Every structure is written in C-alpha cells, then in structure tokens.
C-alpha cells in the first residue's frame, strides 16, 4: 500500500507540533500522530467507522498507546470518545486543516484569523461538526484566537 502525504496531512502534523509546543507537550509525538492519523484513509474507502481504527492497528507497538487511542478517536464515527489533550488536539487540528484547505482553494482569499473565523461560521451551517471539532482547542487550554494563530503559523510552514 502506498500512503501519500498530502499537503493537508502535512498541515495537521505542523498544527499539532505548534499546539504541543504551546502547551508544553511532546512536540515530536504530537507531530507524528498528526502525520500518521490518516494512514488508512485510502484503505477504508469511505467506511468511516473503521477510519483511524485500521491505522491504529497498523501502528500498534510502534507508537505509545495514548497516540494509538488518539488516532482511533479522531473521527467520532469510530465510537471512540476523545479523552486526553492529544485526542482533542488531533480532532481540532484535523478539522482546522480541512477549513484551511478549503480556503486555499478559494481564489483571492487572504489567510487571517478573521477569515478563518468567518469561514468557520459559514461552514458550520452545513457541517456543524466542524465547529464542534475545532472548539476542542478550548477544552485543551487554547482560545480559538490563539489556536487560529498557531494554525496560521503552521500554514506558512507548509507553503
């Protein structure tokens, strides 16, 4: 199986690294969790109840158990509930990357905190889970504004 590291997957990793540094967590672990959390995306072919679970099984023994659990819990459809900072950070970073990639595809959109806030409000009307996921940042000790600042910093690194 070939796993392609897309720009969005790399962005999740960079956002995770920024959050870990900000929160005094293990930056290397958080970064690798961000990079590998979608390892099974192509393999599960839309069966989102298995997405993250298959990746976690492949990574068992290669990452600490808290990292394995975060990967299983990053998509609510698996039934695994987020418990730790790492779990919630991955959910927030993954959803922020979705939002940022959507903005990157919009011609003329300048990336800023205001733009991210506006797009989040707009997207939440059709994707209410997006707002809920991104607000996991508050549960781990970051304001939404600070979280978006970290996301923008990571975005600059991914260009």
N, C-alpha and C. Protein backbone atom coordinates (compact mmCIF):
# COMPACT_ATOMS: atom_id res chain seq x y z
N UNK A 1 0.84 -1.18 0.00
CA UNK A 1 0.00 0.00 0.00
C UNK A 1 0.88 1.24 0.00
N UNK A 2 0.53 2.20 -0.82
CA UNK A 2 1.25 3.46 -0.86
C UNK A 2 0.42 4.50 -0.13
N UNK A 3 1.05 5.21 0.79
CA UNK A 3 0.37 6.27 1.54
C UNK A 3 0.98 7.59 1.11
N UNK A 4 0.15 8.43 0.52
CA UNK A 4 0.64 9.72 0.07
C UNK A 4 0.45 10.76 1.16
N UNK A 5 1.49 11.50 1.44
CA UNK A 5 1.41 12.56 2.43
C UNK A 5 0.95 13.83 1.74
N UNK A 6 -0.32 14.07 1.76
CA UNK A 6 -0.88 15.25 1.11
C UNK A 6 -0.52 16.50 1.90
N UNK A 7 -0.76 17.62 1.29
CA UNK A 7 -0.50 18.89 1.95
C UNK A 7 -1.37 19.02 3.21
N UNK A 8 -2.61 18.55 3.15
CA UNK A 8 -3.50 18.62 4.31
C UNK A 8 -2.97 17.76 5.46
N UNK A 9 -2.49 16.56 5.15
CA UNK A 9 -1.95 15.69 6.20
C UNK A 9 -0.70 16.30 6.81
N UNK A 10 0.14 16.89 5.98
CA UNK A 10 1.33 17.56 6.49
C UNK A 10 0.94 18.75 7.35
N UNK A 11 -0.11 19.46 6.96
CA UNK A 11 -0.57 20.61 7.74
C UNK A 11 -1.07 20.18 9.11
N UNK A 12 -1.79 19.09 9.20
CA UNK A 12 -2.24 18.59 10.50
C UNK A 12 -1.03 18.35 11.40
N UNK A 13 -0.01 17.76 10.85
CA UNK A 13 1.22 17.48 11.60
C UNK A 13 1.86 18.78 12.11
N UNK A 14 1.92 19.77 11.26
CA UNK A 14 2.53 21.05 11.65
C UNK A 14 1.69 21.78 12.71
N UNK A 15 0.36 21.72 12.57
CA UNK A 15 -0.51 22.32 13.58
C UNK A 15 -0.33 21.60 14.91
N UNK A 16 -0.25 20.29 14.87
CA UNK A 16 -0.05 19.51 16.10
C UNK A 16 1.27 19.90 16.77
N UNK A 17 2.31 20.09 16.00
CA UNK A 17 3.61 20.48 16.55
C UNK A 17 3.51 21.85 17.22
N UNK A 18 2.82 22.78 16.58
CA UNK A 18 2.65 24.12 17.15
C UNK A 18 1.86 24.06 18.46
N UNK A 19 0.80 23.27 18.49
CA UNK A 19 0.00 23.14 19.71
C UNK A 19 0.80 22.50 20.83
N UNK A 20 1.54 21.45 20.52
CA UNK A 20 2.34 20.76 21.54
C UNK A 20 3.35 21.71 22.16
N UNK A 21 4.01 22.49 21.32
CA UNK A 21 5.00 23.45 21.81
C UNK A 21 4.32 24.47 22.72
N UNK A 22 3.20 24.97 22.29
CA UNK A 22 2.44 25.97 23.07
C UNK A 22 1.99 25.42 24.43
N UNK A 23 1.60 24.14 24.43
CA UNK A 23 1.02 23.53 25.63
C UNK A 23 2.04 22.77 26.48
N UNK A 24 3.29 22.75 26.05
CA UNK A 24 4.32 22.04 26.81
C UNK A 24 4.22 20.53 26.70
N UNK A 25 3.71 20.06 25.59
CA UNK A 25 3.57 18.62 25.35
C UNK A 25 4.72 18.12 24.48
N UNK A 26 4.75 16.83 24.23
CA UNK A 26 5.80 16.20 23.44
C UNK A 26 5.60 16.53 21.95
N UNK A 27 6.33 17.51 21.47
CA UNK A 27 6.16 18.01 20.11
C UNK A 27 6.39 16.92 19.07
N UNK A 28 7.39 16.09 19.27
CA UNK A 28 7.70 15.05 18.28
C UNK A 28 6.57 14.03 18.20
N UNK A 29 6.06 13.61 19.33
CA UNK A 29 4.95 12.65 19.34
C UNK A 29 3.71 13.25 18.70
N UNK A 30 3.35 14.46 19.09
CA UNK A 30 2.16 15.10 18.53
C UNK A 30 2.30 15.27 17.02
N UNK A 31 3.48 15.63 16.57
CA UNK A 31 3.72 15.84 15.14
C UNK A 31 3.54 14.53 14.36
N UNK A 32 4.08 13.44 14.89
CA UNK A 32 3.98 12.15 14.19
C UNK A 32 2.54 11.64 14.21
N UNK A 33 1.81 11.88 15.30
CA UNK A 33 0.40 11.50 15.34
C UNK A 33 -0.37 12.26 14.27
N UNK A 34 -0.09 13.55 14.13
CA UNK A 34 -0.73 14.35 13.09
C UNK A 34 -0.42 13.85 11.70
N UNK A 35 0.80 13.40 11.51
CA UNK A 35 1.23 12.92 10.19
C UNK A 35 0.61 11.57 9.83
N UNK A 36 0.45 10.70 10.82
CA UNK A 36 0.02 9.32 10.55
C UNK A 36 -1.46 9.04 10.80
N UNK A 37 -2.20 10.01 11.31
CA UNK A 37 -3.59 9.72 11.72
C UNK A 37 -4.49 9.26 10.57
N UNK A 38 -4.17 9.62 9.34
CA UNK A 38 -4.97 9.22 8.19
C UNK A 38 -4.32 8.10 7.38
N UNK A 39 -3.44 7.37 8.00
CA UNK A 39 -2.70 6.30 7.34
C UNK A 39 -3.62 5.34 6.58
N UNK A 40 -4.82 5.13 7.09
CA UNK A 40 -5.74 4.16 6.50
C UNK A 40 -6.80 4.79 5.59
N UNK A 41 -6.73 6.09 5.37
CA UNK A 41 -7.81 6.80 4.67
C UNK A 41 -8.17 6.16 3.34
N UNK A 42 -7.19 5.88 2.52
CA UNK A 42 -7.45 5.28 1.21
C UNK A 42 -7.91 3.82 1.33
N UNK A 43 -7.40 3.16 2.33
CA UNK A 43 -7.71 1.73 2.51
C UNK A 43 -9.16 1.50 2.95
N UNK A 44 -9.70 2.35 3.82
CA UNK A 44 -11.06 2.11 4.32
C UNK A 44 -12.13 2.57 3.33
N UNK A 45 -11.73 3.28 2.32
CA UNK A 45 -12.61 3.67 1.20
C UNK A 45 -13.98 4.19 1.65
N UNK A 46 -13.99 5.16 2.53
CA UNK A 46 -15.24 5.77 2.94
C UNK A 46 -15.95 5.07 4.09
N UNK A 47 -15.48 3.93 4.55
CA UNK A 47 -16.07 3.25 5.71
C UNK A 47 -15.52 3.94 6.96
N UNK A 48 -16.12 5.09 7.28
CA UNK A 48 -15.55 5.95 8.31
C UNK A 48 -15.66 5.38 9.73
N UNK A 49 -16.45 4.35 9.93
CA UNK A 49 -16.47 3.68 11.23
C UNK A 49 -15.16 2.94 11.48
N UNK A 50 -14.44 2.65 10.40
CA UNK A 50 -13.15 1.95 10.52
C UNK A 50 -11.96 2.91 10.41
N UNK A 51 -12.23 4.15 9.94
CA UNK A 51 -11.16 5.13 9.72
C UNK A 51 -10.50 5.52 11.05
N UNK A 52 -9.24 5.32 11.13
CA UNK A 52 -8.50 5.56 12.36
C UNK A 52 -8.25 4.26 13.11
N UNK A 53 -9.23 3.39 13.11
CA UNK A 53 -9.10 2.11 13.79
C UNK A 53 -8.10 1.22 13.04
N UNK A 54 -8.23 1.16 11.73
CA UNK A 54 -7.32 0.37 10.91
C UNK A 54 -5.90 0.93 11.04
N UNK A 55 -5.78 2.25 10.97
CA UNK A 55 -4.46 2.89 11.12
C UNK A 55 -3.85 2.57 12.49
N UNK A 56 -4.67 2.65 13.52
CA UNK A 56 -4.19 2.38 14.88
C UNK A 56 -3.66 0.96 15.01
N UNK A 57 -4.34 0.01 14.41
CA UNK A 57 -3.88 -1.37 14.46
C UNK A 57 -2.54 -1.54 13.75
N UNK A 58 -2.37 -0.85 12.63
CA UNK A 58 -1.11 -0.93 11.90
C UNK A 58 0.04 -0.31 12.70
N UNK A 59 -0.29 0.68 13.52
CA UNK A 59 0.73 1.41 14.27
C UNK A 59 0.96 0.86 15.69
N UNK A 60 0.12 -0.10 16.09
CA UNK A 60 0.24 -0.67 17.44
C UNK A 60 1.65 -1.24 17.62
N UNK A 61 2.27 -0.88 18.74
CA UNK A 61 3.62 -1.32 19.04
C UNK A 61 4.69 -0.39 18.49
N UNK A 62 4.28 0.51 17.62
CA UNK A 62 5.23 1.47 17.03
C UNK A 62 5.08 2.86 17.65
N UNK A 63 3.91 3.10 18.25
CA UNK A 63 3.63 4.36 18.94
C UNK A 63 3.09 4.05 20.33
N UNK A 64 3.21 4.99 21.26
CA UNK A 64 2.63 4.78 22.59
C UNK A 64 1.10 4.62 22.51
N UNK A 65 0.54 3.96 23.49
CA UNK A 65 -0.90 3.68 23.50
C UNK A 65 -1.75 4.95 23.45
N UNK A 66 -1.29 6.04 24.09
CA UNK A 66 -2.09 7.27 24.04
C UNK A 66 -2.16 7.82 22.61
N UNK A 67 -1.11 7.63 21.84
CA UNK A 67 -1.10 8.05 20.44
C UNK A 67 -2.02 7.17 19.62
N UNK A 68 -1.99 5.87 19.88
CA UNK A 68 -2.87 4.91 19.18
C UNK A 68 -4.33 5.28 19.44
N UNK A 69 -4.65 5.58 20.69
CA UNK A 69 -6.03 5.93 21.03
C UNK A 69 -6.45 7.22 20.34
N UNK A 70 -5.57 8.22 20.31
CA UNK A 70 -5.90 9.50 19.65
C UNK A 70 -6.25 9.27 18.19
N UNK A 71 -5.52 8.40 17.52
CA UNK A 71 -5.78 8.12 16.11
C UNK A 71 -7.14 7.44 15.96
N UNK A 72 -7.49 6.53 16.86
CA UNK A 72 -8.80 5.88 16.80
C UNK A 72 -9.93 6.87 17.09
N UNK A 73 -9.68 7.82 17.97
CA UNK A 73 -10.73 8.74 18.43
C UNK A 73 -10.87 10.00 17.58
N UNK A 74 -10.02 10.18 16.58
CA UNK A 74 -10.06 11.45 15.85
C UNK A 74 -11.29 11.62 14.96
N UNK A 75 -12.00 10.53 14.67
CA UNK A 75 -13.24 10.61 13.90
C UNK A 75 -14.36 10.01 14.76
N UNK A 76 -15.34 10.81 15.11
CA UNK A 76 -16.40 10.39 16.03
C UNK A 76 -17.14 9.14 15.56
N UNK A 77 -17.10 8.86 14.27
CA UNK A 77 -17.85 7.72 13.74
C UNK A 77 -17.28 6.38 14.15
N UNK A 78 -16.06 6.37 14.71
CA UNK A 78 -15.47 5.11 15.18
C UNK A 78 -16.09 4.67 16.51
N UNK A 79 -16.69 5.61 17.23
CA UNK A 79 -17.26 5.30 18.54
C UNK A 79 -16.29 5.51 19.69
N UNK A 80 -15.04 5.80 19.39
CA UNK A 80 -14.06 6.08 20.44
C UNK A 80 -14.17 7.55 20.83
N UNK A 81 -14.38 7.81 22.10
CA UNK A 81 -14.57 9.17 22.60
C UNK A 81 -13.23 9.80 22.95
N UNK A 82 -13.01 11.06 22.56
CA UNK A 82 -11.77 11.74 22.93
C UNK A 82 -11.72 11.99 24.43
N UNK A 83 -10.57 11.70 25.03
CA UNK A 83 -10.41 11.87 26.46
C UNK A 83 -9.26 12.81 26.81
N UNK A 84 -8.14 12.63 26.15
CA UNK A 84 -6.92 13.35 26.52
C UNK A 84 -6.72 14.61 25.68
N UNK A 85 -5.75 15.40 26.10
CA UNK A 85 -5.36 16.57 25.32
C UNK A 85 -4.95 16.18 23.91
N UNK A 86 -4.21 15.10 23.81
CA UNK A 86 -3.74 14.63 22.49
C UNK A 86 -4.92 14.29 21.60
N UNK A 87 -5.91 13.57 22.13
CA UNK A 87 -7.10 13.20 21.36
C UNK A 87 -7.80 14.44 20.81
N UNK A 88 -8.05 15.38 21.72
CA UNK A 88 -8.80 16.59 21.35
C UNK A 88 -7.99 17.49 20.43
N UNK A 89 -6.68 17.54 20.63
CA UNK A 89 -5.82 18.35 19.76
C UNK A 89 -5.85 17.81 18.33
N UNK A 90 -5.81 16.50 18.18
CA UNK A 90 -5.84 15.90 16.84
C UNK A 90 -7.15 16.21 16.14
N UNK A 91 -8.23 16.13 16.85
CA UNK A 91 -9.54 16.45 16.27
C UNK A 91 -9.58 17.90 15.80
N UNK A 92 -9.11 18.81 16.66
CA UNK A 92 -9.11 20.24 16.31
C UNK A 92 -8.19 20.51 15.12
N UNK A 93 -6.99 19.95 15.14
CA UNK A 93 -6.02 20.18 14.06
C UNK A 93 -6.53 19.62 12.73
N UNK A 94 -7.10 18.44 12.75
CA UNK A 94 -7.61 17.81 11.54
C UNK A 94 -8.72 18.66 10.93
N UNK A 95 -9.63 19.14 11.76
CA UNK A 95 -10.74 19.96 11.26
C UNK A 95 -10.25 21.32 10.78
N UNK A 96 -9.28 21.90 11.48
CA UNK A 96 -8.72 23.18 11.03
C UNK A 96 -8.04 23.02 9.67
N UNK A 97 -7.36 21.92 9.47
CA UNK A 97 -6.71 21.68 8.17
C UNK A 97 -7.75 21.59 7.06
N UNK A 98 -8.89 20.98 7.33
CA UNK A 98 -9.98 20.91 6.34
C UNK A 98 -10.44 22.33 5.99
N UNK A 99 -10.61 23.15 7.00
CA UNK A 99 -11.05 24.53 6.81
C UNK A 99 -10.01 25.33 6.01
N UNK A 100 -8.76 25.18 6.37
CA UNK A 100 -7.67 25.91 5.70
C UNK A 100 -7.53 25.47 4.25
N UNK A 101 -7.61 24.17 4.00
CA UNK A 101 -7.50 23.69 2.62
C UNK A 101 -8.67 24.20 1.77
N UNK A 102 -9.83 24.30 2.36
CA UNK A 102 -10.98 24.87 1.64
C UNK A 102 -10.69 26.32 1.27
N UNK A 103 -10.14 27.09 2.19
CA UNK A 103 -9.80 28.49 1.92
C UNK A 103 -8.69 28.62 0.88
N UNK A 104 -7.73 27.71 0.93
CA UNK A 104 -6.63 27.75 -0.05
C UNK A 104 -7.14 27.58 -1.47
N UNK A 105 -8.25 26.88 -1.63
CA UNK A 105 -8.81 26.63 -2.95
C UNK A 105 -9.70 27.77 -3.43
N UNK A 106 -9.94 28.75 -2.56
CA UNK A 106 -10.80 29.87 -2.90
C UNK A 106 -9.94 31.03 -3.39
N UNK A 107 -10.04 31.36 -4.67
CA UNK A 107 -9.22 32.44 -5.22
C UNK A 107 -9.45 33.77 -4.48
N UNK A 108 -8.36 34.45 -4.21
CA UNK A 108 -8.43 35.77 -3.60
C UNK A 108 -8.63 35.81 -2.10
N UNK A 109 -8.74 34.65 -1.46
CA UNK A 109 -8.92 34.62 0.00
C UNK A 109 -7.57 34.80 0.68
N UNK A 110 -7.48 35.80 1.53
CA UNK A 110 -6.27 36.03 2.31
C UNK A 110 -6.43 35.30 3.64
N UNK A 111 -5.42 34.55 4.00
CA UNK A 111 -5.47 33.77 5.23
C UNK A 111 -5.25 34.69 6.43
N UNK A 112 -6.22 34.76 7.31
CA UNK A 112 -6.12 35.56 8.53
C UNK A 112 -7.04 34.96 9.59
N UNK A 113 -6.89 35.41 10.81
CA UNK A 113 -7.76 34.92 11.89
C UNK A 113 -9.21 35.25 11.55
N UNK A 114 -9.45 36.45 11.09
CA UNK A 114 -10.81 36.88 10.74
C UNK A 114 -11.39 36.00 9.63
N UNK A 115 -10.59 35.72 8.62
CA UNK A 115 -11.04 34.86 7.52
C UNK A 115 -11.38 33.46 8.03
N UNK A 116 -10.53 32.92 8.90
CA UNK A 116 -10.79 31.59 9.46
C UNK A 116 -12.08 31.60 10.29
N UNK A 117 -12.27 32.64 11.10
CA UNK A 117 -13.49 32.73 11.92
C UNK A 117 -14.73 32.84 11.04
N UNK A 118 -14.65 33.66 10.00
CA UNK A 118 -15.79 33.83 9.09
C UNK A 118 -16.11 32.53 8.36
N UNK A 119 -15.07 31.87 7.86
CA UNK A 119 -15.27 30.61 7.13
C UNK A 119 -15.80 29.52 8.06
N UNK A 120 -15.34 29.50 9.30
CA UNK A 120 -15.84 28.52 10.27
C UNK A 120 -17.33 28.73 10.52
N UNK A 121 -17.72 29.98 10.72
CA UNK A 121 -19.14 30.28 10.95
C UNK A 121 -19.98 29.87 9.74
N UNK A 122 -19.48 30.16 8.55
CA UNK A 122 -20.19 29.83 7.31
C UNK A 122 -20.28 28.31 7.12
N UNK A 123 -19.17 27.63 7.30
CA UNK A 123 -19.12 26.17 7.10
C UNK A 123 -19.94 25.42 8.14
N UNK A 124 -20.05 25.98 9.32
CA UNK A 124 -20.76 25.30 10.41
C UNK A 124 -22.25 25.15 10.13
N UNK A 125 -22.76 25.94 9.21
CA UNK A 125 -24.18 25.83 8.86
C UNK A 125 -24.47 24.51 8.14
N UNK A 126 -23.51 24.05 7.34
CA UNK A 126 -23.70 22.80 6.61
C UNK A 126 -22.90 21.65 7.21
N UNK A 127 -21.88 22.00 7.99
CA UNK A 127 -21.03 21.00 8.64
C UNK A 127 -20.89 21.36 10.13
N UNK A 128 -21.95 21.16 10.93
CA UNK A 128 -21.91 21.59 12.34
C UNK A 128 -20.81 20.91 13.15
N UNK A 129 -20.40 19.74 12.74
CA UNK A 129 -19.33 19.02 13.42
C UNK A 129 -18.01 19.78 13.35
N UNK A 130 -17.82 20.56 12.29
CA UNK A 130 -16.57 21.29 12.10
C UNK A 130 -16.33 22.27 13.25
N UNK A 131 -17.35 23.04 13.59
CA UNK A 131 -17.25 23.99 14.70
C UNK A 131 -16.99 23.26 16.02
N UNK A 132 -17.75 22.20 16.26
CA UNK A 132 -17.58 21.41 17.48
C UNK A 132 -16.17 20.85 17.59
N UNK A 133 -15.65 20.35 16.49
CA UNK A 133 -14.31 19.78 16.48
C UNK A 133 -13.24 20.83 16.73
N UNK A 134 -13.33 21.95 16.06
CA UNK A 134 -12.33 23.00 16.21
C UNK A 134 -12.36 23.57 17.63
N UNK A 135 -13.53 23.63 18.23
CA UNK A 135 -13.62 24.16 19.60
C UNK A 135 -13.05 23.21 20.66
N UNK A 136 -12.60 22.04 20.22
CA UNK A 136 -11.86 21.16 21.15
C UNK A 136 -10.60 21.87 21.63
N UNK A 137 -10.13 22.86 20.86
CA UNK A 137 -8.94 23.61 21.26
C UNK A 137 -9.16 24.31 22.61
N UNK A 138 -10.39 24.76 22.86
CA UNK A 138 -10.71 25.43 24.11
C UNK A 138 -10.63 24.43 25.27
N UNK A 139 -11.06 23.20 25.02
CA UNK A 139 -11.03 22.16 26.05
C UNK A 139 -9.60 21.80 26.47
N UNK A 140 -8.63 22.07 25.62
CA UNK A 140 -7.24 21.73 25.97
C UNK A 140 -6.43 22.95 26.39
N UNK A 141 -7.10 24.10 26.51
CA UNK A 141 -6.42 25.27 27.06
C UNK A 141 -6.00 26.35 26.09
N UNK A 142 -6.54 26.32 24.87
CA UNK A 142 -6.22 27.37 23.89
C UNK A 142 -7.49 28.14 23.56
N UNK A 143 -7.39 29.45 23.47
CA UNK A 143 -8.53 30.20 22.96
C UNK A 143 -8.63 29.93 21.47
N UNK A 144 -9.79 30.18 20.91
CA UNK A 144 -9.95 29.99 19.47
C UNK A 144 -9.00 30.91 18.71
N UNK A 145 -8.84 32.14 19.18
CA UNK A 145 -7.94 33.07 18.52
C UNK A 145 -6.51 32.55 18.53
N UNK A 146 -6.05 32.06 19.69
CA UNK A 146 -4.68 31.55 19.78
C UNK A 146 -4.51 30.30 18.92
N UNK A 147 -5.52 29.45 18.92
CA UNK A 147 -5.47 28.25 18.08
C UNK A 147 -5.33 28.63 16.61
N UNK A 148 -6.12 29.59 16.16
CA UNK A 148 -6.02 30.03 14.78
C UNK A 148 -4.66 30.68 14.49
N UNK A 149 -4.09 31.38 15.46
CA UNK A 149 -2.74 31.93 15.28
C UNK A 149 -1.73 30.81 15.03
N UNK A 150 -1.84 29.74 15.81
CA UNK A 150 -0.95 28.60 15.64
C UNK A 150 -1.18 27.91 14.29
N UNK A 151 -2.44 27.83 13.89
CA UNK A 151 -2.76 27.24 12.58
C UNK A 151 -2.15 28.07 11.45
N UNK A 152 -2.22 29.38 11.56
CA UNK A 152 -1.65 30.25 10.51
C UNK A 152 -0.13 30.12 10.47
N UNK A 153 0.48 30.00 11.64
CA UNK A 153 1.93 29.79 11.69
C UNK A 153 2.30 28.49 10.99
N UNK A 154 1.54 27.44 11.26
CA UNK A 154 1.78 26.14 10.62
C UNK A 154 1.53 26.22 9.12
N UNK A 155 0.53 26.98 8.71
CA UNK A 155 0.20 27.12 7.30
C UNK A 155 1.36 27.75 6.54
N UNK A 156 1.98 28.75 7.13
CA UNK A 156 3.14 29.39 6.49
C UNK A 156 4.29 28.40 6.30
N UNK A 157 4.45 27.48 7.25
CA UNK A 157 5.50 26.47 7.15
C UNK A 157 5.21 25.45 6.06
N UNK A 158 3.91 25.25 5.76
CA UNK A 158 3.54 24.22 4.80
C UNK A 158 3.51 24.72 3.35
N UNK A 159 3.70 25.99 3.15
CA UNK A 159 3.67 26.55 1.78
C UNK A 159 4.92 26.23 1.02
